[in-house]
Protein backbone atom coordinates (compact mmCIF):
# COMPACT_ATOMS: atom_id res chain seq x y z
CA MET A 1 76.27 10.13 38.40
CA ALA A 2 72.84 11.07 36.88
CA ILE A 3 74.09 10.26 33.42
CA GLU A 4 75.22 6.82 34.49
CA LEU A 5 71.91 6.20 36.29
CA GLU A 6 70.20 7.25 32.99
CA LYS A 7 72.31 4.81 30.97
CA ALA A 8 71.65 2.14 33.47
CA MET A 9 67.71 2.46 33.35
CA ARG A 10 67.82 2.70 29.54
CA ALA A 11 69.92 -0.43 29.29
CA HIS A 12 67.47 -2.17 31.52
CA ALA A 13 64.52 -1.15 29.68
CA GLN A 14 66.19 -2.28 26.31
CA ARG A 15 66.92 -5.78 27.81
CA GLN A 16 63.34 -6.07 28.96
CA VAL A 17 62.19 -5.03 25.29
CA ASN A 18 64.72 -7.50 23.80
CA GLU A 19 63.40 -10.33 26.03
CA GLY A 20 59.91 -9.72 24.78
CA LEU A 21 58.46 -8.09 27.90
CA PRO A 22 56.12 -5.23 27.07
CA PRO A 23 57.24 -1.98 28.58
CA ARG A 24 54.90 -0.84 31.27
CA ASN A 25 52.86 2.30 30.81
CA PRO A 26 51.97 3.72 34.20
CA VAL A 27 48.95 5.48 32.65
CA SER A 28 47.22 2.43 31.25
CA ALA A 29 48.05 0.56 34.62
CA GLY A 30 46.06 3.16 36.35
CA LEU A 31 48.99 4.68 38.07
CA GLN A 32 47.92 8.26 37.21
CA LEU A 33 49.05 10.92 39.96
CA LEU A 34 45.91 11.75 41.99
CA GLU A 35 45.79 15.46 42.50
CA PRO A 36 43.87 16.72 45.56
CA PRO A 37 40.63 18.39 44.76
CA PRO A 38 40.86 22.26 44.74
CA PHE A 39 39.67 24.37 47.60
CA PRO A 40 36.06 25.34 47.07
CA ARG A 41 36.06 28.77 45.63
CA LEU A 42 32.62 29.55 46.88
CA LEU A 43 33.70 28.99 50.47
CA VAL A 44 36.57 31.42 50.04
CA ALA A 45 34.32 34.06 48.34
CA LEU A 46 31.90 33.77 51.08
CA THR A 47 34.46 34.23 53.72
CA ILE A 48 36.01 37.29 52.02
CA VAL A 49 32.37 38.76 51.70
CA CYS A 50 31.84 38.18 55.35
CA GLY A 51 35.01 39.69 56.35
CA VAL A 52 34.39 42.81 54.36
CA VAL A 53 30.85 43.13 55.75
CA PHE A 54 32.25 42.92 59.29
CA VAL A 55 34.92 45.53 58.56
CA ALA A 56 32.20 47.80 56.99
CA GLY A 57 30.05 47.38 60.02
CA LEU A 58 33.00 48.22 62.29
CA LEU A 59 33.73 51.40 60.18
CA TRP A 60 30.11 52.32 60.28
CA GLU A 61 29.80 52.11 63.95
CA LEU A 62 33.07 52.87 65.42
CA ALA A 63 34.27 55.64 62.97
CA GLN A 64 30.90 56.97 61.88
CA VAL A 65 31.55 56.58 58.30
CA PRO A 66 28.29 56.80 56.18
CA PRO A 67 27.24 53.38 54.66
CA ALA A 68 27.11 55.16 51.00
CA HIS A 69 30.93 55.93 51.33
CA ILE A 70 31.67 52.40 52.35
CA LEU A 71 29.78 51.11 49.42
CA ILE A 72 31.52 53.55 46.96
CA VAL A 73 34.90 52.38 48.16
CA ALA A 74 33.86 48.71 47.94
CA PHE A 75 32.43 49.06 44.35
CA ILE A 76 35.55 51.08 43.13
CA ILE A 77 37.91 48.26 44.62
CA ALA A 78 35.79 45.57 42.98
CA ILE A 79 35.79 47.41 39.37
CA VAL A 80 39.43 47.80 39.59
CA PHE A 81 40.00 44.09 40.75
CA PHE A 82 37.83 42.68 38.01
CA ARG A 83 39.17 45.03 35.26
CA PHE A 84 42.84 44.39 35.75
CA ARG A 85 42.99 40.70 36.73
CA PRO A 86 44.76 38.42 34.42
CA ARG A 87 42.49 36.53 31.87
CA ARG A 88 42.39 32.70 31.93
CA ARG A 89 42.47 30.85 28.54
């Protein structure tokens, strides 16, 4: 079925070219696909930082974990994350 449809589409395009009608180029006609704008990374980063600060505050108050220990664990997690993340080219 797909092969028949492809043949019909090619035949129709060939007829238009033979009749002198220029083939349509959707890019030149301005029919480009519009991708939605990406979600702002700064907002995501700020949300994550706020969540981490909230959890650290809970650990400090409820579990009586010293702030230095919380910071050490946070720095180790950040170092591991930034060291082993995939590189973009």
